[in-house]
Amino acid sequence: MQADPRSLRYRVLVVVVAAVVLPLVWVWVAGSFAPRQERRTQAALEQALHDAVAHPDPDAMDAIARRYRVRLRTFDPSGRPGIDVDHAEPLSLLAPVADPLYGPEGAPDLRELDTALPPVPERPESRAAGREPQTSCETTARGLLKVCVAAIRTPDGALLHAMRGDRRYVTSLYEQRFQLSAVTLVVLTIGALLALWMGARMVGPIESLRDQVVDRTRGPVSTRPVVLERKDELGELASAFNELLRAIDERDRSNAAFAADLAHELKNPVAAVRAAAEALGSERPVEGERRDRLRRVLADSAARMEVVVHQFLELARAEAGLQDRERERVALLATCTSLVDGLRTDERFTDRRWVCEGEELAVDAVPERLETAVRNLLANAAHFARSEVTLTVRRVEDRALIEVRDDGPGIAEQELPHVFDRYYTTREGGTGLGLALVKAIATAHGGSVEARSVPGDGATFRLVLPLAESAG
């Protein structure tokens, strides 16, 4: 099988190979820079001595030692010590992590090494010191520390001594690079085999899922669950696919029921229009009372179809989540008060008493859709109320509650679970879509709606919505 750079198998193999090979490459590359680092250290020592001869005061020498990361010491012609400034410690932010790599004896310490050596004036570099600095370097401390020293004599015979140590963990590994290469080859072979095995274990089930999903799109689309008997993350992925397929199946069933409901609602007005068209096409003259009756049939049927189509469109958009509509900050009490004022002038409800009260709360909503939901609740309550409809806006924890109460006959216990179903209505002339639309709008806004009732004591509808973020 040809390797595809985009496949998981290929990527797992590349990662494993890189994890094995890169440390060895790092050792080879970093170790090859060791001679250059030694030359830079010797140059730093020489320059530090020249600067110290030119500026022999303690403050200047401290600055010089700090700049070149060396230890500077002075001795008078008789060998007595003078200034001693030490800034030769290694500067490494990774020291807490790197120190354990030096083994059980720990990282090498330049100060401990210096203490074990003869006095500075008796050391070879000091005995051979002249007017120009002479540097030398040697590897000590189990081969893990490169120590470079230099000494110079001033015109008055005083001795200046400079010392610096560079840890060479990587360099020491570089000296075993051929042995490391052999070990890497063995580890690489094992790692490549493991990578191929891991790739098969990971990619095989994914390919099985892919084939099952693709198979369900060929011919009639199927929502049969996929099968993958695993208890790891891939098994969870298969379960997630099945959840998605179940949701799609439910949406398909809902759409089918939606279309059936629409066809059912349009059946009578369409039949009436067809009957009127046939009457108009007959040889009998259309005049007088017959013409008025046909006109009323056509007008009523057209109005009925317009209402049904409009409500269906609103319901379909709401059940889809109103995804194409921008949310705005809406003041609930002001909006509800405006809707109640509008219904007060509705000739159908002139004998109702309207009460709107509560606290001002803000929600993020599609204004016209939220107004539709509240208006439907108010109109539904007004149709059943004997004399009064009350709307209350209040806060319940981190939610806004709109409560609409009427003093009508209430809702029978067996009817309560169905009041939000499409086409379920007990009101003469009702379409059964108003409360279904309220539920869809509430859900689209992340809220909910419920009905409560005691038969004979009115009904209460509670619309709950999340408060606006800044209002919480």
Protein backbone atom coordinates (compact mmCIF):
# COMPACT_ATOMS: atom_id res chain seq x y z
CA MET A 1 0.00 0.00 0.00
CA GLN A 2 1.41 3.36 -1.01
CA ALA A 3 2.10 5.70 1.92
CA ASP A 4 -0.19 8.71 2.00
CA PRO A 5 1.40 11.65 3.88
CA ARG A 6 -2.09 12.68 5.02
CA SER A 7 -2.93 9.31 6.61
CA LEU A 8 -2.79 8.69 10.35
CA ARG A 9 -0.60 5.62 9.81
CA TYR A 10 2.02 7.72 8.05
CA ARG A 11 1.88 10.48 10.66
CA VAL A 12 2.23 8.07 13.58
CA LEU A 13 5.24 6.48 11.88
CA VAL A 14 6.84 9.88 11.26
CA VAL A 15 6.30 10.94 14.88
CA VAL A 16 7.85 7.75 16.28
CA VAL A 17 10.84 7.92 13.92
CA ALA A 18 11.37 11.60 14.75
CA ALA A 19 11.15 10.92 18.48
CA VAL A 20 13.85 8.24 18.19
CA VAL A 21 16.17 9.89 15.66
CA LEU A 22 16.06 13.56 16.66
CA PRO A 23 17.90 13.10 20.01
CA LEU A 24 20.77 11.42 18.15
CA VAL A 25 20.80 14.18 15.54
CA TRP A 26 20.87 16.72 18.34
CA VAL A 27 23.88 14.99 19.93
CA TRP A 28 25.76 14.90 16.60
CA VAL A 29 25.06 18.51 15.77
CA ALA A 30 25.59 19.93 19.26
CA GLY A 31 28.77 17.90 19.78
CA SER A 32 30.27 19.17 16.54
CA PHE A 33 30.16 22.70 17.96
CA ALA A 34 32.36 21.78 20.94
CA PRO A 35 35.70 22.95 19.37
CA ARG A 36 34.16 26.28 18.45
CA GLN A 37 32.83 26.68 22.00
CA GLU A 38 36.31 25.98 23.39
CA ARG A 39 37.86 28.67 21.18
CA ARG A 40 35.20 31.16 22.28
CA THR A 41 35.94 30.38 25.94
CA GLN A 42 39.69 30.89 25.47
CA ALA A 43 39.07 34.19 23.70
CA ALA A 44 36.82 35.31 26.56
CA LEU A 45 39.52 34.49 29.13
CA GLU A 46 42.18 36.40 27.21
CA GLN A 47 39.97 39.44 26.78
CA ALA A 48 38.97 39.35 30.45
CA LEU A 49 42.66 39.40 31.48
CA HIS A 50 43.48 42.30 29.15
CA ASP A 51 40.53 44.31 30.51
CA ALA A 52 41.50 43.49 34.10
CA VAL A 53 45.09 44.71 33.52
CA ALA A 54 43.70 47.96 32.15
CA HIS A 55 41.15 48.34 34.97
CA PRO A 56 42.54 46.73 38.13
CA ASP A 57 40.08 48.23 40.64
CA PRO A 58 37.65 45.80 42.34
CA ASP A 59 34.42 47.25 40.87
CA ALA A 60 35.74 47.14 37.32
CA MET A 61 37.01 43.58 37.75
CA ASP A 62 33.66 42.47 39.11
CA ALA A 63 31.96 43.88 36.01
CA ILE A 64 34.57 42.20 33.76
CA ALA A 65 34.10 38.81 35.45
CA ARG A 66 30.35 39.12 35.12
CA ARG A 67 30.57 40.09 31.43
CA TYR A 68 32.79 37.15 30.45
CA ARG A 69 31.42 34.65 33.01
CA VAL A 70 34.85 33.95 34.53
CA ARG A 71 36.52 33.86 37.89
CA LEU A 72 39.19 36.54 38.23
CA ARG A 73 41.84 36.52 40.96
CA THR A 74 44.88 38.67 41.63
CA PHE A 75 48.08 37.85 43.52
CA ASP A 76 50.90 40.19 44.40
CA PRO A 77 54.50 39.36 43.37
CA SER A 78 54.99 37.40 46.59
CA GLY A 79 51.91 35.20 45.91
CA ARG A 80 49.56 36.72 48.43
CA PRO A 81 45.92 36.74 47.21
CA GLY A 82 44.13 39.98 46.44
CA ILE A 83 40.88 40.47 44.55
CA ASP A 84 38.70 37.40 43.96
CA VAL A 85 35.47 37.79 41.95
CA ASP A 86 33.63 34.70 40.79
CA HIS A 87 30.99 34.74 38.06
CA ALA A 88 31.98 31.49 36.41
CA GLU A 89 28.87 29.57 37.40
CA PRO A 90 26.96 28.12 34.40
CA LEU A 91 24.01 30.21 33.28
CA SER A 92 21.26 27.74 32.47
CA LEU A 93 17.54 28.10 32.98
CA LEU A 94 17.31 24.34 32.44
CA ALA A 95 19.68 23.48 35.29
CA PRO A 96 16.93 22.01 37.56
CA VAL A 97 15.96 19.68 34.71
CA ALA A 98 19.42 19.01 33.32
CA ASP A 99 21.30 18.38 36.58
CA PRO A 100 19.77 14.90 37.17
CA LEU A 101 21.07 13.86 33.74
CA TYR A 102 24.64 13.95 35.03
CA GLY A 103 24.11 10.80 37.07
CA PRO A 104 23.97 9.97 40.77
CA GLU A 105 27.03 12.10 41.54
CA GLY A 106 25.28 15.17 40.22
CA ALA A 107 26.47 17.96 37.97
CA PRO A 108 30.18 18.89 38.16
CA ASP A 109 31.05 21.92 40.33
CA LEU A 110 33.90 24.21 39.25
CA ARG A 111 34.42 25.56 42.77
CA GLU A 112 34.85 22.06 44.23
CA LEU A 113 37.33 21.24 41.49
CA ASP A 114 39.27 24.46 42.10
CA THR A 115 39.48 23.71 45.82
CA ALA A 116 41.10 20.34 45.09
CA LEU A 117 43.82 21.87 42.91
CA PRO A 118 47.14 23.31 44.14
CA PRO A 119 47.27 27.00 45.08
CA VAL A 120 46.85 29.24 42.05
CA PRO A 121 50.44 30.64 42.03
CA GLU A 122 51.81 27.09 41.91
CA ARG A 123 49.73 25.93 38.98
CA PRO A 124 51.39 25.37 35.58
CA GLU A 125 49.61 28.24 33.82
CA SER A 126 50.69 30.62 36.60
CA ARG A 127 54.33 29.52 36.51
CA ALA A 128 54.42 29.99 32.73
CA ALA A 129 52.57 33.34 32.78
CA GLY A 130 54.11 36.24 30.92
CA ARG A 131 53.03 39.60 29.59
CA GLU A 132 50.59 37.89 27.17
CA PRO A 133 47.93 35.49 28.43
CA GLN A 134 48.37 31.82 27.75
CA THR A 135 45.25 29.66 27.83
CA SER A 136 44.77 25.94 28.24
CA CYS A 137 41.74 23.69 28.52
CA GLU A 138 41.23 20.18 29.83
CA THR A 139 38.31 17.87 30.48
CA THR A 140 37.72 16.84 34.08
CA ALA A 141 34.97 15.57 36.39
CA ARG A 142 34.20 12.30 34.60
CA GLY A 143 34.53 14.05 31.25
CA LEU A 144 31.55 16.28 31.99
CA LEU A 145 33.35 19.59 32.59
CA LYS A 146 35.61 21.50 30.24
CA VAL A 147 37.87 23.77 32.38
CA CYS A 148 39.80 26.60 30.69
CA VAL A 149 42.36 28.74 32.54
CA ALA A 150 44.60 31.65 31.66
CA ALA A 151 47.17 33.73 33.53
CA ILE A 152 49.13 36.95 32.87
CA ARG A 153 51.84 38.95 34.65
CA THR A 154 51.47 42.70 35.06
CA PRO A 155 54.51 45.00 34.66
CA ASP A 156 54.94 45.12 38.46
CA GLY A 157 55.05 41.31 38.69
CA ALA A 158 51.51 40.73 39.99
CA LEU A 159 49.61 37.70 38.76
CA LEU A 160 46.12 37.81 37.20
CA HIS A 161 44.37 34.46 36.91
CA ALA A 162 41.14 33.71 35.00
CA MET A 163 39.14 30.50 35.10
CA ARG A 164 35.95 29.26 33.48
CA GLY A 165 34.18 25.90 33.27
CA ASP A 166 31.64 24.73 30.71
CA ARG A 167 29.54 21.67 31.37
CA ARG A 168 29.63 19.27 28.48
CA TYR A 169 26.82 16.78 28.94
CA VAL A 170 25.95 16.79 25.25
CA THR A 171 29.61 16.79 24.26
CA SER A 172 30.25 13.73 26.41
CA LEU A 173 27.40 12.00 24.63
CA TYR A 174 28.93 13.05 21.31
CA GLU A 175 31.98 10.97 22.15
CA GLN A 176 29.71 7.92 22.36
CA ARG A 177 27.80 8.85 19.20
CA PHE A 178 28.66 5.65 17.37
CA GLN A 179 27.41 3.49 20.22
CA LEU A 180 24.32 5.70 20.44
CA SER A 181 23.76 5.25 16.72
CA ALA A 182 23.75 1.50 17.13
CA VAL A 183 21.27 1.69 20.01
CA THR A 184 19.12 4.13 18.00
CA LEU A 185 18.99 1.72 15.08
CA VAL A 186 17.63 -1.04 17.32
CA VAL A 187 15.15 1.27 19.02
CA LEU A 188 14.11 2.71 15.65
CA THR A 189 13.31 -0.73 14.28
CA ILE A 190 11.21 -1.61 17.31
CA GLY A 191 9.59 1.83 17.30
CA ALA A 192 8.69 1.61 13.61
CA LEU A 193 7.03 -1.76 14.16
CA LEU A 194 5.12 -0.37 17.14
CA ALA A 195 4.12 2.68 15.09
CA LEU A 196 2.75 0.47 12.33
CA TRP A 197 0.85 -1.62 14.88
CA MET A 198 -0.54 1.48 16.60
CA GLY A 199 -1.51 2.94 13.24
CA ALA A 200 -3.41 -0.22 12.34
CA ARG A 201 -5.15 -0.24 15.72
CA MET A 202 -6.17 3.39 15.34
CA VAL A 203 -6.83 3.70 11.63
CA GLY A 204 -8.57 0.35 11.05
CA PRO A 205 -11.63 1.19 13.21
CA ILE A 206 -11.78 4.71 11.76
CA GLU A 207 -11.80 3.26 8.24
CA SER A 208 -14.56 0.89 9.31
CA LEU A 209 -16.61 3.84 10.59
CA ARG A 210 -15.95 5.73 7.37
CA ASP A 211 -17.07 2.80 5.21
CA GLN A 212 -20.24 2.31 7.26
CA VAL A 213 -21.14 6.00 7.09
CA VAL A 214 -20.44 6.21 3.34
CA ASP A 215 -22.47 3.04 2.79
CA ARG A 216 -25.49 4.75 4.35
CA THR A 217 -25.34 7.52 1.74
CA ARG A 218 -25.42 5.19 -1.26
CA GLY A 219 -28.86 4.69 -2.70
CA PRO A 220 -31.66 5.49 -0.26
CA VAL A 221 -30.11 7.32 2.71
CA SER A 222 -30.18 5.15 5.82
CA THR A 223 -29.94 6.09 9.49
CA ARG A 224 -29.10 2.58 10.69
CA PRO A 225 -26.63 2.72 13.60
CA VAL A 226 -22.97 2.01 12.90
CA VAL A 227 -21.31 -0.92 14.64
CA LEU A 228 -17.93 -0.72 16.36
CA GLU A 229 -17.44 -2.91 19.40
CA ARG A 230 -14.79 -0.98 21.31
CA LYS A 231 -14.72 0.58 24.76
CA ASP A 232 -12.16 3.30 24.07
CA GLU A 233 -12.35 6.74 22.46
CA LEU A 234 -13.11 5.18 19.07
CA GLY A 235 -16.07 3.38 20.60
CA GLU A 236 -17.21 6.74 21.99
CA LEU A 237 -16.85 8.20 18.48
CA ALA A 238 -19.09 5.44 17.11
CA SER A 239 -21.64 6.20 19.84
CA ALA A 240 -21.51 9.88 18.87
CA PHE A 241 -22.16 8.92 15.23
CA ASN A 242 -25.15 6.88 16.34
CA GLU A 243 -26.48 9.82 18.37
CA LEU A 244 -26.19 11.96 15.26
CA LEU A 245 -27.95 9.33 13.15
CA ARG A 246 -30.75 9.11 15.74
CA ALA A 247 -31.14 12.90 15.68
CA ILE A 248 -31.26 12.86 11.87
CA ASP A 249 -33.86 10.08 11.96
CA GLU A 250 -35.98 12.05 14.43
CA ARG A 251 -35.69 15.16 12.27
CA ASP A 252 -36.71 13.14 9.19
CA ARG A 253 -39.76 11.81 11.03
CA SER A 254 -40.59 15.32 12.24
CA ASN A 255 -40.28 16.71 8.72
CA ALA A 256 -42.49 13.95 7.36
CA ALA A 257 -45.10 14.66 10.04
CA PHE A 258 -44.76 18.36 9.32
CA ALA A 259 -45.45 17.83 5.62
CA ALA A 260 -48.38 15.54 6.42
CA ASP A 261 -49.86 18.14 8.77
CA LEU A 262 -49.47 20.86 6.15
CA ALA A 263 -51.14 18.70 3.52
CA HIS A 264 -53.97 17.94 5.95
CA GLU A 265 -54.54 21.61 6.75
CA LEU A 266 -54.49 22.65 3.12
CA LYS A 267 -56.75 19.82 1.99
CA ASN A 268 -60.08 21.48 2.88
CA PRO A 269 -59.36 24.98 1.49
CA VAL A 270 -57.87 23.47 -1.68
CA ALA A 271 -60.95 21.30 -2.09
CA ALA A 272 -63.14 24.37 -1.62
CA VAL A 273 -61.15 26.30 -4.22
CA ARG A 274 -61.42 23.38 -6.66
CA ALA A 275 -65.17 23.14 -6.10
CA ALA A 276 -65.52 26.89 -6.68
CA ALA A 277 -63.44 26.63 -9.86
CA GLU A 278 -65.64 23.81 -11.13
CA ALA A 279 -68.73 25.88 -10.38
CA LEU A 280 -67.30 28.81 -12.25
CA GLY A 281 -66.54 26.53 -15.18
CA SER A 282 -70.08 25.21 -15.45
CA GLU A 283 -72.65 26.54 -17.90
CA ARG A 284 -74.86 27.97 -15.15
CA PRO A 285 -74.56 31.75 -14.88
CA VAL A 286 -72.62 33.04 -11.86
CA GLU A 287 -74.66 35.91 -10.53
CA GLY A 288 -76.56 37.11 -7.53
CA GLU A 289 -76.42 34.98 -4.38
CA ARG A 290 -74.47 32.22 -6.10
CA ARG A 291 -71.71 34.63 -7.11
CA ASP A 292 -71.52 36.03 -3.56
CA ARG A 293 -71.31 32.52 -2.13
CA LEU A 294 -68.47 31.54 -4.49
CA ARG A 295 -66.66 34.77 -3.73
CA ARG A 296 -66.88 34.08 0.00
CA VAL A 297 -65.67 30.51 -0.51
CA LEU A 298 -62.64 31.68 -2.50
CA ALA A 299 -61.85 34.49 -0.08
CA ASP A 300 -62.20 32.30 3.02
CA SER A 301 -60.14 29.48 1.49
CA ALA A 302 -57.38 31.87 0.38
CA ALA A 303 -57.31 33.48 3.83
CA ARG A 304 -57.19 30.05 5.49
CA MET A 305 -54.32 28.91 3.26
CA GLU A 306 -52.45 32.17 3.86
CA VAL A 307 -52.75 31.78 7.63
CA VAL A 308 -51.69 28.13 7.54
CA VAL A 309 -48.69 28.76 5.26
CA HIS A 310 -47.59 31.77 7.34
CA GLN A 311 -47.82 29.85 10.60
CA PHE A 312 -46.05 26.85 9.10
CA LEU A 313 -43.19 29.03 7.88
CA GLU A 314 -42.83 30.65 11.29
CA LEU A 315 -42.95 27.27 13.01
CA ALA A 316 -40.38 25.77 10.60
CA ARG A 317 -37.96 28.67 11.17
CA ALA A 318 -38.38 28.47 14.93
CA GLU A 319 -37.89 24.68 15.04
CA ALA A 320 -34.71 25.17 12.96
CA GLY A 321 -33.38 27.37 15.77
CA LEU A 322 -33.75 30.80 14.10
CA GLN A 323 -30.11 30.42 13.03
CA ASP A 324 -30.31 33.14 10.40
CA ARG A 325 -31.65 35.79 12.77
CA GLU A 326 -29.54 38.19 14.83
CA ARG A 327 -30.21 38.36 18.56
CA GLU A 328 -30.80 41.76 20.15
CA ARG A 329 -31.08 43.00 23.72
CA VAL A 330 -34.81 43.05 24.58
CA ALA A 331 -36.44 44.69 27.62
CA LEU A 332 -39.04 42.12 28.64
CA LEU A 333 -41.44 44.17 30.74
CA ALA A 334 -41.57 47.01 28.20
CA THR A 335 -42.18 44.54 25.37
CA CYS A 336 -44.92 42.70 27.28
CA THR A 337 -46.58 45.98 28.29
CA SER A 338 -46.68 47.06 24.65
CA LEU A 339 -48.28 43.76 23.60
CA VAL A 340 -50.89 43.96 26.36
CA ASP A 341 -51.75 47.55 25.36
CA GLY A 342 -52.28 46.35 21.78
CA LEU A 343 -54.65 43.57 22.86
CA ARG A 344 -56.67 45.97 25.03
CA THR A 345 -57.89 47.60 21.82
CA ASP A 346 -58.62 44.26 20.09
CA GLU A 347 -62.38 44.15 19.51
CA ARG A 348 -62.39 40.43 20.35
CA PHE A 349 -61.23 41.09 23.91
CA THR A 350 -62.81 44.40 24.89
CA ASP A 351 -64.57 42.79 27.85
CA ARG A 352 -61.32 41.39 29.33
CA ARG A 353 -59.38 43.05 32.12
CA TRP A 354 -55.63 43.09 31.44
CA VAL A 355 -52.90 43.26 34.10
CA CYS A 356 -49.19 43.58 33.29
CA GLU A 357 -46.72 43.75 36.18
CA GLY A 358 -43.27 42.73 37.35
CA GLU A 359 -39.64 43.84 37.10
CA GLU A 360 -37.70 44.95 34.06
CA LEU A 361 -35.35 42.21 32.83
CA ALA A 362 -33.22 41.94 29.71
CA VAL A 363 -32.83 38.95 27.41
CA ASP A 364 -30.99 38.38 24.13
CA ALA A 365 -33.62 37.39 21.58
CA VAL A 366 -35.02 37.84 18.09
CA PRO A 367 -37.50 40.63 18.99
CA GLU A 368 -40.32 39.86 16.54
CA ARG A 369 -40.21 36.12 17.29
CA LEU A 370 -40.26 36.72 21.05
CA GLU A 371 -43.20 39.10 20.56
CA THR A 372 -45.00 36.39 18.57
CA ALA A 373 -44.55 33.89 21.40
CA VAL A 374 -45.83 36.26 24.10
CA ARG A 375 -48.71 37.48 21.88
CA ASN A 376 -49.79 33.87 21.25
CA LEU A 377 -49.81 33.15 25.00
CA LEU A 378 -51.83 36.30 25.69
CA ALA A 379 -54.33 35.61 22.87
CA ASN A 380 -54.73 31.99 23.97
CA ALA A 381 -55.39 33.12 27.57
CA ALA A 382 -57.84 35.81 26.42
CA HIS A 383 -59.88 33.30 24.40
CA PHE A 384 -60.44 31.14 27.50
CA ALA A 385 -60.55 33.81 30.22
CA ARG A 386 -63.84 34.72 31.84
CA SER A 387 -62.83 38.25 32.71
CA GLU A 388 -59.10 38.74 33.42
CA VAL A 389 -55.66 37.95 31.99
CA THR A 390 -52.55 38.66 34.07
CA LEU A 391 -48.98 38.80 32.77
CA THR A 392 -46.07 38.85 35.23
CA VAL A 393 -42.35 39.27 34.51
CA ARG A 394 -39.95 38.21 37.25
CA ARG A 395 -36.53 36.72 37.81
CA VAL A 396 -36.03 33.11 38.90
CA GLU A 397 -32.34 32.49 39.69
CA ASP A 398 -30.48 33.22 36.43
CA ARG A 399 -33.57 33.04 34.22
CA ALA A 400 -36.35 35.40 33.23
CA LEU A 401 -39.92 34.15 33.75
CA ILE A 402 -42.94 35.40 31.81
CA GLU A 403 -46.10 34.05 33.44
CA VAL A 404 -49.49 34.39 31.75
CA ARG A 405 -52.58 33.49 33.84
CA ASP A 406 -56.28 33.44 32.97
CA ASP A 407 -59.39 32.86 35.07
CA GLY A 408 -61.03 30.53 32.58
CA PRO A 409 -62.23 26.94 32.96
CA GLY A 410 -58.69 25.53 33.00
CA ILE A 411 -57.23 22.57 31.15
CA ALA A 412 -58.18 18.95 31.79
CA GLU A 413 -55.39 16.83 33.24
CA GLN A 414 -55.34 14.46 30.25
CA GLU A 415 -54.99 17.42 27.86
CA LEU A 416 -52.05 19.14 29.57
CA PRO A 417 -49.30 16.96 27.98
CA HIS A 418 -50.63 17.77 24.48
CA VAL A 419 -51.28 21.53 24.54
CA PHE A 420 -47.99 22.27 22.73
CA ASP A 421 -48.45 19.59 20.06
CA ARG A 422 -49.06 20.73 16.50
CA TYR A 423 -52.74 20.83 15.58
CA TYR A 424 -53.91 20.01 19.05
CA THR A 425 -56.63 22.49 19.99
CA THR A 426 -59.88 22.55 21.94
CA ARG A 427 -60.84 26.04 20.75
CA GLU A 428 -63.33 26.35 17.91
CA GLY A 429 -61.64 27.95 14.93
CA GLY A 430 -58.14 27.41 16.32
CA THR A 431 -55.36 26.08 14.10
CA GLY A 432 -53.45 24.24 16.83
CA LEU A 433 -50.20 25.93 15.77
CA GLY A 434 -50.06 28.89 18.15
CA LEU A 435 -48.77 27.09 21.25
CA ALA A 436 -46.56 24.80 19.14
CA LEU A 437 -44.94 27.97 17.79
CA VAL A 438 -44.46 29.29 21.35
CA LYS A 439 -42.62 26.10 22.30
CA ALA A 440 -40.41 26.22 19.19
CA ILE A 441 -39.49 29.88 19.79
CA ALA A 442 -38.70 29.21 23.47
CA THR A 443 -36.44 26.28 22.55
CA ALA A 444 -34.68 28.32 19.84
CA HIS A 445 -33.80 30.91 22.51
CA GLY A 446 -32.45 28.32 24.94
CA GLY A 447 -35.59 28.47 27.09
CA SER A 448 -38.69 26.42 27.79
CA VAL A 449 -42.44 26.73 28.22
CA GLU A 450 -44.89 24.79 30.35
CA ALA A 451 -48.57 24.82 31.19
CA ARG A 452 -50.13 24.37 34.62
CA SER A 453 -53.80 24.20 35.42
CA VAL A 454 -56.38 23.16 37.95
CA PRO A 455 -59.67 22.42 36.13
CA GLY A 456 -62.19 25.11 36.94
CA ASP A 457 -59.52 27.51 38.25
CA GLY A 458 -57.88 28.86 35.10
CA ALA A 459 -54.56 28.04 33.43
CA THR A 460 -51.02 29.39 33.80
CA PHE A 461 -48.39 29.34 31.05
CA ARG A 462 -44.76 29.91 32.09
CA LEU A 463 -42.21 31.00 29.46
CA VAL A 464 -38.64 30.79 30.81
CA LEU A 465 -35.68 32.44 28.99
CA PRO A 466 -31.98 32.92 29.82
CA LEU A 467 -31.13 36.39 31.08
CA ALA A 468 -28.83 38.53 28.96
CA GLU A 469 -25.18 37.95 29.94
CA SER A 470 -24.56 41.44 31.36
CA ALA A 471 -27.85 41.21 33.22
CA GLY A 472 -26.86 38.07 35.11
